Amino acid sequence: MKYAVTLGSAAVAAFAFAIATPAVATAQPSKCHSSYIPCLPIVSDVDCAGGSGNGPVYTGRVQVVGPDDYGLDRDGDGIGCE
């Protein structure tokens, strides 16, 4: 009987740990453009917020880690919308 109580306590503790521990994202969602961190959606165009672009999506500062398809990193230093 003592074994059953110990096993039950361990299961409850493991369940509580799983609930309290936040999930860590290991991959970007599939609808994110892989060239930008944080995630930018895959759409026809993304422009810098406050700039002269016409959208349809606007963003703040981003890290550019691949081809700059949206033209956000005009000086080529790896930071877009600075």
PDB file of N, CA and C in Angstrom:
ATOM      1  N   MET A   1       0.828  -1.194   0.000  1.00  0.00           N
ATOM      2  CA  MET A   1       0.000   0.000   0.000  1.00  0.00           C
ATOM      3  C   MET A   1       0.867   1.251   0.000  1.00  0.00           C
ATOM      4  N   LYS A   2       1.976   1.208   0.746  1.00  0.00           N
ATOM      5  CA  LYS A   2       2.854   2.361   0.805  1.00  0.00           C
ATOM      6  C   LYS A   2       3.366   2.700  -0.594  1.00  0.00           C
ATOM      7  N   TYR A   3       3.638   1.698  -1.407  1.00  0.00           N
ATOM      8  CA  TYR A   3       4.126   1.899  -2.770  1.00  0.00           C
ATOM      9  C   TYR A   3       3.095   2.645  -3.617  1.00  0.00           C
ATOM     10  N   ALA A   4       1.827   2.303  -3.476  1.00  0.00           N
ATOM     11  CA  ALA A   4       0.760   2.945  -4.248  1.00  0.00           C
ATOM     12  C   ALA A   4       0.649   4.421  -3.891  1.00  0.00           C
ATOM     13  N   VAL A   5       0.778   4.768  -2.637  1.00  0.00           N
ATOM     14  CA  VAL A   5       0.706   6.169  -2.216  1.00  0.00           C
ATOM     15  C   VAL A   5       1.897   6.934  -2.782  1.00  0.00           C
ATOM     16  N   THR A   6       3.087   6.357  -2.726  1.00  0.00           N
ATOM     17  CA  THR A   6       4.279   7.006  -3.255  1.00  0.00           C
ATOM     18  C   THR A   6       4.155   7.213  -4.760  1.00  0.00           C
ATOM     19  N   LEU A   7       3.695   6.207  -5.477  1.00  0.00           N
ATOM     20  CA  LEU A   7       3.519   6.308  -6.918  1.00  0.00           C
ATOM     21  C   LEU A   7       2.489   7.373  -7.256  1.00  0.00           C
ATOM     22  N   GLY A   8       1.411   7.412  -6.520  1.00  0.00           N
ATOM     23  CA  GLY A   8       0.375   8.428  -6.746  1.00  0.00           C
ATOM     24  C   GLY A   8       0.903   9.822  -6.485  1.00  0.00           C
ATOM     25  N   SER A   9       1.685  10.005  -5.441  1.00  0.00           N
ATOM     26  CA  SER A   9       2.270  11.302  -5.131  1.00  0.00           C
ATOM     27  C   SER A   9       3.221  11.752  -6.232  1.00  0.00           C
ATOM     28  N   ALA A  10       3.994  10.824  -6.757  1.00  0.00           N
ATOM     29  CA  ALA A  10       4.922  11.147  -7.837  1.00  0.00           C
ATOM     30  C   ALA A  10       4.167  11.575  -9.087  1.00  0.00           C
ATOM     31  N   ALA A  11       3.073  10.906  -9.380  1.00  0.00           N
ATOM     32  CA  ALA A  11       2.275  11.259 -10.556  1.00  0.00           C
ATOM     33  C   ALA A  11       1.673  12.646 -10.405  1.00  0.00           C
ATOM     34  N   VAL A  12       1.174  12.967  -9.224  1.00  0.00           N
ATOM     35  CA  VAL A  12       0.607  14.288  -8.966  1.00  0.00           C
ATOM     36  C   VAL A  12       1.696  15.356  -9.090  1.00  0.00           C
ATOM     37  N   ALA A  13       2.882  15.096  -8.560  1.00  0.00           N
ATOM     38  CA  ALA A  13       3.981  16.048  -8.638  1.00  0.00           C
ATOM     39  C   ALA A  13       4.414  16.266 -10.084  1.00  0.00           C
ATOM     40  N   ALA A  14       4.480  15.210 -10.862  1.00  0.00           N
ATOM     41  CA  ALA A  14       4.870  15.335 -12.273  1.00  0.00           C
ATOM     42  C   ALA A  14       3.827  16.127 -13.045  1.00  0.00           C
ATOM     43  N   PHE A  15       2.554  15.879 -12.763  1.00  0.00           N
ATOM     44  CA  PHE A  15       1.480  16.614 -13.434  1.00  0.00           C
ATOM     45  C   PHE A  15       1.546  18.094 -13.075  1.00  0.00           C
ATOM     46  N   ALA A  16       1.762  18.411 -11.817  1.00  0.00           N
ATOM     47  CA  ALA A  16       1.859  19.800 -11.384  1.00  0.00           C
ATOM     48  C   ALA A  16       3.052  20.483 -12.037  1.00  0.00           C
ATOM     49  N   PHE A  17       4.160  19.807 -12.169  1.00  0.00           N
ATOM     50  CA  PHE A  17       5.349  20.364 -12.826  1.00  0.00           C
ATOM     51  C   PHE A  17       5.046  20.659 -14.287  1.00  0.00           C
ATOM     52  N   ALA A  18       4.359  19.745 -14.958  1.00  0.00           N
ATOM     53  CA  ALA A  18       4.039  19.929 -16.380  1.00  0.00           C
ATOM     54  C   ALA A  18       3.128  21.133 -16.581  1.00  0.00           C
ATOM     55  N   ILE A  19       2.211  21.351 -15.672  1.00  0.00           N
ATOM     56  CA  ILE A  19       1.308  22.501 -15.783  1.00  0.00           C
ATOM     57  C   ILE A  19       2.058  23.804 -15.504  1.00  0.00           C
ATOM     58  N   ALA A  20       2.958  23.804 -14.529  1.00  0.00           N
ATOM     59  CA  ALA A  20       3.644  25.017 -14.119  1.00  0.00           C
ATOM     60  C   ALA A  20       4.809  25.384 -15.031  1.00  0.00           C
ATOM     61  N   THR A  21       5.300  24.466 -15.838  1.00  0.00           N
ATOM     62  CA  THR A  21       6.442  24.725 -16.695  1.00  0.00           C
ATOM     63  C   THR A  21       5.962  25.203 -18.056  1.00  0.00           C
ATOM     64  N   PRO A  22       6.361  26.432 -18.475  1.00  0.00           N
ATOM     65  CA  PRO A  22       5.924  26.913 -19.783  1.00  0.00           C
ATOM     66  C   PRO A  22       6.564  26.119 -20.910  1.00  0.00           C
ATOM     67  N   ALA A  23       5.845  25.971 -21.992  1.00  0.00           N
ATOM     68  CA  ALA A  23       6.375  25.270 -23.159  1.00  0.00           C
ATOM     69  C   ALA A  23       7.416  26.147 -23.849  1.00  0.00           C
ATOM     70  N   VAL A  24       8.456  25.526 -24.341  1.00  0.00           N
ATOM     71  CA  VAL A  24       9.500  26.239 -25.065  1.00  0.00           C
ATOM     72  C   VAL A  24       9.295  25.982 -26.547  1.00  0.00           C
ATOM     73  N   ALA A  25       9.196  27.053 -27.321  1.00  0.00           N
ATOM     74  CA  ALA A  25       9.012  26.905 -28.764  1.00  0.00           C
ATOM     75  C   ALA A  25      10.327  26.441 -29.383  1.00  0.00           C
ATOM     76  N   THR A  26      10.269  25.374 -30.142  1.00  0.00           N
ATOM     77  CA  THR A  26      11.475  24.855 -30.767  1.00  0.00           C
ATOM     78  C   THR A  26      11.544  25.185 -32.245  1.00  0.00           C
ATOM     79  N   ALA A  27      10.447  25.609 -32.819  1.00  0.00           N
ATOM     80  CA  ALA A  27      10.436  25.965 -34.236  1.00  0.00           C
ATOM     81  C   ALA A  27       9.411  27.061 -34.462  1.00  0.00           C
ATOM     82  N   GLN A  28       9.650  27.857 -35.487  1.00  0.00           N
ATOM     83  CA  GLN A  28       8.702  28.903 -35.806  1.00  0.00           C
ATOM     84  C   GLN A  28       7.458  28.284 -36.429  1.00  0.00           C
ATOM     85  N   PRO A  29       6.318  28.907 -36.199  1.00  0.00           N
ATOM     86  CA  PRO A  29       5.119  28.425 -36.867  1.00  0.00           C
ATOM     87  C   PRO A  29       5.307  28.451 -38.383  1.00  0.00           C
ATOM     88  N   SER A  30       4.637  27.584 -39.098  1.00  0.00           N
ATOM     89  CA  SER A  30       4.842  27.442 -40.530  1.00  0.00           C
ATOM     90  C   SER A  30       4.406  28.661 -41.323  1.00  0.00           C
ATOM     91  N   LYS A  31       3.626  29.538 -40.764  1.00  0.00           N
ATOM     92  CA  LYS A  31       3.169  30.723 -41.482  1.00  0.00           C
ATOM     93  C   LYS A  31       4.067  31.928 -41.236  1.00  0.00           C
ATOM     94  N   CYS A  32       5.286  31.695 -40.744  1.00  0.00           N
ATOM     95  CA  CYS A  32       6.252  32.764 -40.511  1.00  0.00           C
ATOM     96  C   CYS A  32       7.288  32.771 -41.623  1.00  0.00           C
ATOM     97  N   HIS A  33       7.691  33.963 -42.020  1.00  0.00           N
ATOM     98  CA  HIS A  33       8.773  34.091 -42.995  1.00  0.00           C
ATOM     99  C   HIS A  33      10.073  33.780 -42.254  1.00  0.00           C
ATOM    100  N   SER A  34      10.844  32.846 -42.750  1.00  0.00           N
ATOM    101  CA  SER A  34      12.038  32.368 -42.043  1.00  0.00           C
ATOM    102  C   SER A  34      13.187  33.369 -42.022  1.00  0.00           C
ATOM    103  N   SER A  35      13.100  34.480 -42.727  1.00  0.00           N
ATOM    104  CA  SER A  35      14.181  35.466 -42.759  1.00  0.00           C
ATOM    105  C   SER A  35      14.107  36.503 -41.653  1.00  0.00           C
ATOM    106  N   TYR A  36      13.042  36.484 -40.853  1.00  0.00           N
ATOM    107  CA  TYR A  36      12.845  37.556 -39.878  1.00  0.00           C
ATOM    108  C   TYR A  36      12.584  37.025 -38.475  1.00  0.00           C
ATOM    109  N   ILE A  37      13.211  37.690 -37.490  1.00  0.00           N
ATOM    110  CA  ILE A  37      12.990  37.403 -36.072  1.00  0.00           C
ATOM    111  C   ILE A  37      12.644  38.729 -35.412  1.00  0.00           C
ATOM    112  N   PRO A  38      11.484  38.886 -34.772  1.00  0.00           N
ATOM    113  CA  PRO A  38      10.466  37.869 -34.552  1.00  0.00           C
ATOM    114  C   PRO A  38       9.696  37.546 -35.832  1.00  0.00           C
ATOM    115  N   CYS A  39       8.832  36.588 -35.710  1.00  0.00           N
ATOM    116  CA  CYS A  39       8.037  36.082 -36.822  1.00  0.00           C
ATOM    117  C   CYS A  39       7.314  37.204 -37.556  1.00  0.00           C
ATOM    118  N   LEU A  40       7.448  37.212 -38.869  1.00  0.00           N
ATOM    119  CA  LEU A  40       6.627  38.066 -39.719  1.00  0.00           C
ATOM    120  C   LEU A  40       5.799  37.147 -40.601  1.00  0.00           C
ATOM    121  N   PRO A  41       4.549  37.520 -40.853  1.00  0.00           N
ATOM    122  CA  PRO A  41       3.691  36.644 -41.650  1.00  0.00           C
ATOM    123  C   PRO A  41       4.142  36.602 -43.112  1.00  0.00           C
ATOM    124  N   ILE A  42       3.789  35.541 -43.784  1.00  0.00           N
ATOM    125  CA  ILE A  42       4.054  35.430 -45.210  1.00  0.00           C
ATOM    126  C   ILE A  42       2.863  36.070 -45.927  1.00  0.00           C
ATOM    127  N   VAL A  43       3.082  37.296 -46.398  1.00  0.00           N
ATOM    128  CA  VAL A  43       2.055  38.074 -47.086  1.00  0.00           C
ATOM    129  C   VAL A  43       2.695  38.752 -48.289  1.00  0.00           C
ATOM    130  N   SER A  44       1.918  39.514 -49.026  1.00  0.00           N
ATOM    131  CA  SER A  44       2.446  40.172 -50.223  1.00  0.00           C
ATOM    132  C   SER A  44       3.507  41.216 -49.899  1.00  0.00           C
ATOM    133  N   ASP A  45       3.404  41.905 -48.751  1.00  0.00           N
ATOM    134  CA  ASP A  45       4.389  42.924 -48.375  1.00  0.00           C
ATOM    135  C   ASP A  45       4.268  43.233 -46.894  1.00  0.00           C
ATOM    136  N   VAL A  46       5.413  43.568 -46.287  1.00  0.00           N
ATOM    137  CA  VAL A  46       5.458  44.051 -44.910  1.00  0.00           C
ATOM    138  C   VAL A  46       6.293  45.327 -44.945  1.00  0.00           C
ATOM    139  N   ASP A  47       5.828  46.360 -44.277  1.00  0.00           N
ATOM    140  CA  ASP A  47       6.548  47.627 -44.223  1.00  0.00           C
ATOM    141  C   ASP A  47       6.827  48.012 -42.780  1.00  0.00           C
ATOM    142  N   CYS A  48       7.778  48.920 -42.604  1.00  0.00           N
ATOM    143  CA  CYS A  48       8.115  49.416 -41.271  1.00  0.00           C
ATOM    144  C   CYS A  48       7.002  50.334 -40.772  1.00  0.00           C
ATOM    145  N   ALA A  49       6.583  50.137 -39.546  1.00  0.00           N
ATOM    146  CA  ALA A  49       5.566  50.994 -38.939  1.00  0.00           C
ATOM    147  C   ALA A  49       6.096  52.420 -38.886  1.00  0.00           C
ATOM    148  N   GLY A  50       5.269  53.369 -39.247  1.00  0.00           N
ATOM    149  CA  GLY A  50       5.667  54.769 -39.217  1.00  0.00           C
ATOM    150  C   GLY A  50       6.412  55.217 -40.464  1.00  0.00           C
ATOM    151  N   GLY A  51       6.651  54.303 -41.390  1.00  0.00           N
ATOM    152  CA  GLY A  51       7.345  54.653 -42.627  1.00  0.00           C
ATOM    153  C   GLY A  51       6.359  55.038 -43.716  1.00  0.00           C
ATOM    154  N   SER A  52       6.860  55.116 -44.931  1.00  0.00           N
ATOM    155  CA  SER A  52       6.007  55.545 -46.037  1.00  0.00           C
ATOM    156  C   SER A  52       5.389  54.386 -46.809  1.00  0.00           C
ATOM    157  N   GLY A  53       5.602  53.147 -46.343  1.00  0.00           N
ATOM    158  CA  GLY A  53       5.062  51.977 -47.044  1.00  0.00           C
ATOM    159  C   GLY A  53       3.561  51.880 -46.965  1.00  0.00           C
ATOM    160  N   ASN A  54       3.008  51.050 -47.843  1.00  0.00           N
ATOM    161  CA  ASN A  54       1.553  50.913 -47.907  1.00  0.00           C
ATOM    162  C   ASN A  54       1.041  49.555 -47.418  1.00  0.00           C
ATOM    163  N   GLY A  55       1.886  48.826 -46.659  1.00  0.00           N
ATOM    164  CA  GLY A  55       1.438  47.573 -46.043  1.00  0.00           C
ATOM    165  C   GLY A  55       1.189  46.468 -47.039  1.00  0.00           C
ATOM    166  N   PRO A  56       0.364  45.524 -46.734  1.00  0.00           N
ATOM    167  CA  PRO A  56      -0.770  45.530 -45.812  1.00  0.00           C
ATOM    168  C   PRO A  56      -0.416  45.252 -44.356  1.00  0.00           C
ATOM    169  N   VAL A  57       0.835  44.850 -44.072  1.00  0.00           N
ATOM    170  CA  VAL A  57       1.252  44.549 -42.704  1.00  0.00           C
ATOM    171  C   VAL A  57       2.403  45.485 -42.348  1.00  0.00           C
ATOM    172  N   TYR A  58       2.450  45.924 -41.081  1.00  0.00           N
ATOM    173  CA  TYR A  58       3.507  46.813 -40.602  1.00  0.00           C
ATOM    174  C   TYR A  58       4.195  46.157 -39.412  1.00  0.00           C
ATOM    175  N   THR A  59       5.498  46.457 -39.263  1.00  0.00           N
ATOM    176  CA  THR A  59       6.267  45.887 -38.159  1.00  0.00           C
ATOM    177  C   THR A  59       7.207  46.923 -37.578  1.00  0.00           C
ATOM    178  N   GLY A  60       7.669  46.630 -36.377  1.00  0.00           N
ATOM    179  CA  GLY A  60       8.720  47.420 -35.754  1.00  0.00           C
ATOM    180  C   GLY A  60      10.060  46.767 -36.080  1.00  0.00           C
ATOM    181  N   ARG A  61      11.048  47.028 -35.280  1.00  0.00           N
ATOM    182  CA  ARG A  61      12.412  46.523 -35.480  1.00  0.00           C
ATOM    183  C   ARG A  61      12.439  44.997 -35.531  1.00  0.00           C
ATOM    184  N   VAL A  62      13.166  44.452 -36.502  1.00  0.00           N
ATOM    185  CA  VAL A  62      13.311  43.008 -36.660  1.00  0.00           C
ATOM    186  C   VAL A  62      14.751  42.669 -37.005  1.00  0.00           C
ATOM    187  N   GLN A  63      15.142  41.453 -36.702  1.00  0.00           N
ATOM    188  CA  GLN A  63      16.447  40.941 -37.123  1.00  0.00           C
ATOM    189  C   GLN A  63      16.238  40.229 -38.454  1.00  0.00           C
ATOM    190  N   VAL A  64      17.110  40.537 -39.420  1.00  0.00           N
ATOM    191  CA  VAL A  64      17.007  39.920 -40.739  1.00  0.00           C
ATOM    192  C   VAL A  64      18.094  38.851 -40.824  1.00  0.00           C
ATOM    193  N   VAL A  65      17.685  37.577 -40.950  1.00  0.00           N
ATOM    194  CA  VAL A  65      18.621  36.451 -40.909  1.00  0.00           C
ATOM    195  C   VAL A  65      18.670  35.669 -42.219  1.00  0.00           C
ATOM    196  N   GLY A  66      18.040  36.190 -43.225  1.00  0.00           N
ATOM    197  CA  GLY A  66      18.020  35.535 -44.536  1.00  0.00           C
ATOM    198  C   GLY A  66      17.755  36.578 -45.597  1.00  0.00           C
ATOM    199  N   PRO A  67      17.303  36.140 -46.762  1.00  0.00           N
ATOM    200  CA  PRO A  67      16.988  37.094 -47.819  1.00  0.00           C
ATOM    201  C   PRO A  67      15.937  38.098 -47.343  1.00  0.00           C
ATOM    202  N   ASP A  68      16.188  39.382 -47.559  1.00  0.00           N
ATOM    203  CA  ASP A  68      15.298  40.448 -47.099  1.00  0.00           C
ATOM    204  C   ASP A  68      14.206  40.701 -48.129  1.00  0.00           C
ATOM    205  N   ASP A  69      13.295  39.733 -48.248  1.00  0.00           N
ATOM    206  CA  ASP A  69      12.243  39.803 -49.257  1.00  0.00           C
ATOM    207  C   ASP A  69      11.336  41.021 -49.111  1.00  0.00           C
ATOM    208  N   TYR A  70      11.183  41.525 -47.897  1.00  0.00           N
ATOM    209  CA  TYR A  70      10.304  42.665 -47.669  1.00  0.00           C
ATOM    210  C   TYR A  70      11.045  44.003 -47.736  1.00  0.00           C
ATOM    211  N   GLY A  71      12.369  43.988 -47.913  1.00  0.00           N
ATOM    212  CA  GLY A  71      13.143  45.226 -48.033  1.00  0.00           C
ATOM    213  C   GLY A  71      13.144  46.070 -46.771  1.00  0.00           C
ATOM    214  N   LEU A  72      13.210  45.425 -45.620  1.00  0.00           N
ATOM    215  CA  LEU A  72      13.168  46.142 -44.347  1.00  0.00           C
ATOM    216  C   LEU A  72      14.547  46.593 -43.869  1.00  0.00           C
ATOM    217  N   ASP A  73      15.614  45.983 -44.376  1.00  0.00           N
ATOM    218  CA  ASP A  73      16.985  46.273 -43.940  1.00  0.00           C
ATOM    219  C   ASP A  73      17.725  47.020 -45.055  1.00  0.00           C
ATOM    220  N   ARG A  74      17.426  48.278 -45.207  1.00  0.00           N
ATOM    221  CA  ARG A  74      17.955  49.053 -46.327  1.00  0.00           C
ATOM    222  C   ARG A  74      19.466  49.231 -46.283  1.00  0.00           C
ATOM    223  N   ASP A  75      20.072  49.272 -45.088  1.00  0.00           N
ATOM    224  CA  ASP A  75      21.527  49.462 -45.026  1.00  0.00           C
ATOM    225  C   ASP A  75      22.294  48.153 -44.931  1.00  0.00           C
ATOM    226  N   GLY A  76      21.597  47.013 -44.918  1.00  0.00           N
ATOM    227  CA  GLY A  76      22.245  45.710 -44.966  1.00  0.00           C
ATOM    228  C   GLY A  76      22.977  45.286 -43.704  1.00  0.00           C
ATOM    229  N   ASP A  77      22.645  45.860 -42.548  1.00  0.00           N
ATOM    230  CA  ASP A  77      23.351  45.508 -41.315  1.00  0.00           C
ATOM    231  C   ASP A  77      22.682  44.394 -40.512  1.00  0.00           C
ATOM    232  N   GLY A  78      21.620  43.800 -41.044  1.00  0.00           N
ATOM    233  CA  GLY A  78      20.954  42.701 -40.359  1.00  0.00           C
ATOM    234  C   GLY A  78      19.828  43.124 -39.442  1.00  0.00           C
ATOM    235  N   ILE A  79      19.581  44.430 -39.335  1.00  0.00           N
ATOM    236  CA  ILE A  79      18.479  44.938 -38.513  1.00  0.00           C
ATOM    237  C   ILE A  79      17.529  45.713 -39.414  1.00  0.00           C
ATOM    238  N   GLY A  80      16.278  45.304 -39.420  1.00  0.00           N
ATOM    239  CA  GLY A  80      15.274  45.985 -40.219  1.00  0.00           C
ATOM    240  C   GLY A  80      14.440  46.934 -39.389  1.00  0.00           C
ATOM    241  N   CYS A  81      13.960  47.980 -40.027  1.00  0.00           N
ATOM    242  CA  CYS A  81      13.090  48.980 -39.383  1.00  0.00           C
ATOM    243  C   CYS A  81      13.768  49.654 -38.202  1.00  0.00           C
ATOM    244  N   GLU A  82      15.037  50.006 -38.368  1.00  0.00           N
ATOM    245  CA  GLU A  82      15.728  50.693 -37.264  1.00  0.00           C
ATOM    246  C   GLU A  82      15.649  52.190 -37.420  1.00  0.00           C
TER     247      GLU A  82
END
